[in-house]
Amino acid sequence: MAKIRVYELAKKLNLTNKAFLKKLKDMKIAAKSHMSSLEEDIVDKIKQKMFGKKNKQDEVKIKSN
């Protein structure tokens, strides 16, 4: 499984490191600093809590010609 740093995910979510660490603390996810690593399953859990659940059916990609 791939790991991602807290600061990288914060940047993708357009949040400051400090604000993102506070959100992680509120979600009871352990991260000591912006350099902490997050497992892929934890990242999915964070995204679901922040943006709601995503169905696999909604992720249909259409190729343009």
N, C-alpha and C. Protein backbone atom coordinates (compact mmCIF):
# COMPACT_ATOMS: atom_id res chain seq x y z
N MET A 1 0.83 -1.19 0.00
CA MET A 1 0.00 0.00 0.00
C MET A 1 0.87 1.24 0.00
N ALA A 2 0.43 2.23 -0.69
CA ALA A 2 1.16 3.49 -0.77
C ALA A 2 0.83 4.35 0.44
N LYS A 3 1.83 5.08 0.88
CA LYS A 3 1.64 6.02 1.98
C LYS A 3 1.75 7.44 1.43
N ILE A 4 1.07 8.35 2.09
CA ILE A 4 1.11 9.75 1.69
C ILE A 4 1.35 10.58 2.94
N ARG A 5 2.10 11.63 2.81
CA ARG A 5 2.37 12.52 3.93
C ARG A 5 1.17 13.42 4.18
N VAL A 6 1.04 13.83 5.44
CA VAL A 6 -0.08 14.70 5.83
C VAL A 6 -0.06 15.99 5.02
N TYR A 7 1.12 16.59 4.85
CA TYR A 7 1.19 17.87 4.13
C TYR A 7 0.81 17.71 2.65
N GLU A 8 1.11 16.54 2.06
CA GLU A 8 0.74 16.32 0.65
C GLU A 8 -0.77 16.22 0.50
N LEU A 9 -1.42 15.49 1.41
CA LEU A 9 -2.88 15.37 1.35
C LEU A 9 -3.55 16.70 1.65
N ALA A 10 -3.00 17.46 2.61
CA ALA A 10 -3.55 18.78 2.92
C ALA A 10 -3.50 19.68 1.69
N LYS A 11 -2.40 19.61 0.96
CA LYS A 11 -2.26 20.42 -0.25
C LYS A 11 -3.28 20.02 -1.30
N LYS A 12 -3.50 18.70 -1.47
CA LYS A 12 -4.49 18.22 -2.44
C LYS A 12 -5.90 18.66 -2.06
N LEU A 13 -6.17 18.73 -0.74
CA LEU A 13 -7.50 19.11 -0.27
C LEU A 13 -7.64 20.62 -0.08
N ASN A 14 -6.59 21.36 -0.45
CA ASN A 14 -6.60 22.83 -0.36
C ASN A 14 -6.81 23.31 1.08
N LEU A 15 -6.09 22.67 2.02
CA LEU A 15 -6.15 23.05 3.42
C LEU A 15 -4.74 23.36 3.90
N THR A 16 -4.64 24.19 4.95
CA THR A 16 -3.34 24.39 5.56
C THR A 16 -3.00 23.17 6.40
N ASN A 17 -1.71 22.97 6.66
CA ASN A 17 -1.29 21.83 7.47
C ASN A 17 -1.92 21.88 8.86
N LYS A 18 -1.93 23.06 9.44
CA LYS A 18 -2.47 23.23 10.79
C LYS A 18 -3.96 22.89 10.84
N ALA A 19 -4.72 23.38 9.88
CA ALA A 19 -6.16 23.12 9.83
C ALA A 19 -6.43 21.63 9.59
N PHE A 20 -5.63 21.02 8.72
CA PHE A 20 -5.81 19.60 8.41
C PHE A 20 -5.47 18.73 9.61
N LEU A 21 -4.40 19.08 10.34
CA LEU A 21 -4.04 18.32 11.54
C LEU A 21 -5.15 18.42 12.59
N LYS A 22 -5.79 19.59 12.67
CA LYS A 22 -6.91 19.75 13.62
C LYS A 22 -8.07 18.84 13.21
N LYS A 23 -8.37 18.78 11.90
CA LYS A 23 -9.45 17.91 11.42
C LYS A 23 -9.13 16.45 11.71
N LEU A 24 -7.87 16.06 11.52
CA LEU A 24 -7.47 14.69 11.81
C LEU A 24 -7.65 14.38 13.30
N LYS A 25 -7.29 15.33 14.15
CA LYS A 25 -7.46 15.14 15.59
C LYS A 25 -8.94 15.00 15.94
N ASP A 26 -9.79 15.81 15.31
CA ASP A 26 -11.23 15.73 15.54
C ASP A 26 -11.80 14.38 15.09
N MET A 27 -11.18 13.78 14.05
CA MET A 27 -11.61 12.46 13.55
C MET A 27 -10.95 11.32 14.32
N LYS A 28 -10.15 11.68 15.34
CA LYS A 28 -9.43 10.70 16.15
C LYS A 28 -8.44 9.86 15.32
N ILE A 29 -7.78 10.53 14.38
CA ILE A 29 -6.73 9.90 13.57
C ILE A 29 -5.40 10.47 14.04
N ALA A 30 -4.50 9.58 14.45
CA ALA A 30 -3.23 9.99 15.02
C ALA A 30 -2.27 10.49 13.94
N ALA A 31 -1.86 11.74 14.09
CA ALA A 31 -0.83 12.33 13.23
C ALA A 31 -0.15 13.40 14.07
N LYS A 32 1.12 13.22 14.33
CA LYS A 32 1.84 14.14 15.21
C LYS A 32 2.24 15.44 14.51
N SER A 33 2.57 15.34 13.23
CA SER A 33 3.00 16.54 12.51
C SER A 33 2.66 16.42 11.04
N HIS A 34 3.00 17.47 10.30
CA HIS A 34 2.72 17.48 8.86
C HIS A 34 3.55 16.45 8.11
N MET A 35 4.61 15.94 8.72
CA MET A 35 5.47 14.94 8.09
C MET A 35 5.03 13.51 8.37
N SER A 36 3.99 13.32 9.15
CA SER A 36 3.49 11.98 9.44
C SER A 36 2.95 11.34 8.17
N SER A 37 3.05 10.00 8.09
CA SER A 37 2.56 9.27 6.93
C SER A 37 1.18 8.70 7.22
N LEU A 38 0.35 8.64 6.19
CA LEU A 38 -0.99 8.08 6.31
C LEU A 38 -1.12 6.92 5.32
N GLU A 39 -1.69 5.82 5.78
CA GLU A 39 -1.94 4.67 4.92
C GLU A 39 -3.08 5.00 3.96
N GLU A 40 -3.14 4.27 2.86
CA GLU A 40 -4.15 4.51 1.83
C GLU A 40 -5.57 4.32 2.35
N ASP A 41 -5.79 3.32 3.22
CA ASP A 41 -7.13 3.09 3.76
C ASP A 41 -7.55 4.23 4.69
N ILE A 42 -6.60 4.82 5.40
CA ILE A 42 -6.90 5.97 6.26
C ILE A 42 -7.24 7.19 5.40
N VAL A 43 -6.53 7.36 4.31
CA VAL A 43 -6.80 8.47 3.38
C VAL A 43 -8.21 8.35 2.82
N ASP A 44 -8.61 7.13 2.44
CA ASP A 44 -9.97 6.91 1.94
C ASP A 44 -11.00 7.25 3.01
N LYS A 45 -10.72 6.86 4.23
CA LYS A 45 -11.63 7.14 5.36
C LYS A 45 -11.76 8.65 5.57
N ILE A 46 -10.65 9.36 5.48
CA ILE A 46 -10.66 10.83 5.65
C ILE A 46 -11.50 11.48 4.56
N LYS A 47 -11.28 11.06 3.31
CA LYS A 47 -12.03 11.64 2.19
C LYS A 47 -13.52 11.35 2.31
N GLN A 48 -13.89 10.15 2.76
CA GLN A 48 -15.30 9.81 2.92
C GLN A 48 -15.94 10.68 3.99
N LYS A 49 -15.24 10.90 5.09
CA LYS A 49 -15.80 11.73 6.17
C LYS A 49 -15.91 13.19 5.77
N MET A 50 -14.96 13.66 4.96
CA MET A 50 -14.98 15.07 4.57
C MET A 50 -15.93 15.36 3.42
N PHE A 51 -16.04 14.42 2.48
CA PHE A 51 -16.82 14.68 1.26
C PHE A 51 -18.02 13.77 1.08
N GLY A 52 -18.27 12.89 2.01
CA GLY A 52 -19.38 11.96 1.86
C GLY A 52 -18.92 10.69 1.18
N LYS A 53 -19.80 9.72 1.15
CA LYS A 53 -19.46 8.43 0.57
C LYS A 53 -19.49 8.49 -0.94
N LYS A 54 -18.57 7.75 -1.55
CA LYS A 54 -18.49 7.67 -3.01
C LYS A 54 -18.84 6.26 -3.43
N ASN A 55 -19.74 6.15 -4.34
CA ASN A 55 -20.09 4.83 -4.87
C ASN A 55 -19.17 4.51 -6.04
N LYS A 56 -18.84 3.25 -6.17
CA LYS A 56 -18.00 2.82 -7.30
C LYS A 56 -18.73 3.06 -8.61
N GLN A 57 -20.05 3.00 -8.62
CA GLN A 57 -20.84 3.18 -9.83
C GLN A 57 -20.74 4.62 -10.33
N ASP A 58 -20.51 5.58 -9.42
CA ASP A 58 -20.42 6.98 -9.79
C ASP A 58 -19.11 7.31 -10.49
N GLU A 59 -18.14 6.41 -10.41
CA GLU A 59 -16.83 6.67 -10.96
C GLU A 59 -16.64 6.13 -12.37
N VAL A 60 -17.68 6.13 -13.17
CA VAL A 60 -17.59 5.67 -14.55
C VAL A 60 -16.92 6.74 -15.38
N LYS A 61 -15.86 6.37 -16.07
CA LYS A 61 -15.13 7.32 -16.89
C LYS A 61 -15.48 7.11 -18.36
N ILE A 62 -15.70 8.20 -19.05
CA ILE A 62 -16.06 8.14 -20.46
C ILE A 62 -14.91 8.73 -21.27
N LYS A 63 -14.46 7.98 -22.27
CA LYS A 63 -13.39 8.47 -23.12
C LYS A 63 -13.99 9.32 -24.24
N SER A 64 -13.33 10.43 -24.51
CA SER A 64 -13.78 11.28 -25.61
C SER A 64 -13.07 10.86 -26.88
N ASN A 65 -13.73 11.04 -27.99
CA ASN A 65 -13.15 10.66 -29.29
C ASN A 65 -12.44 11.80 -29.94
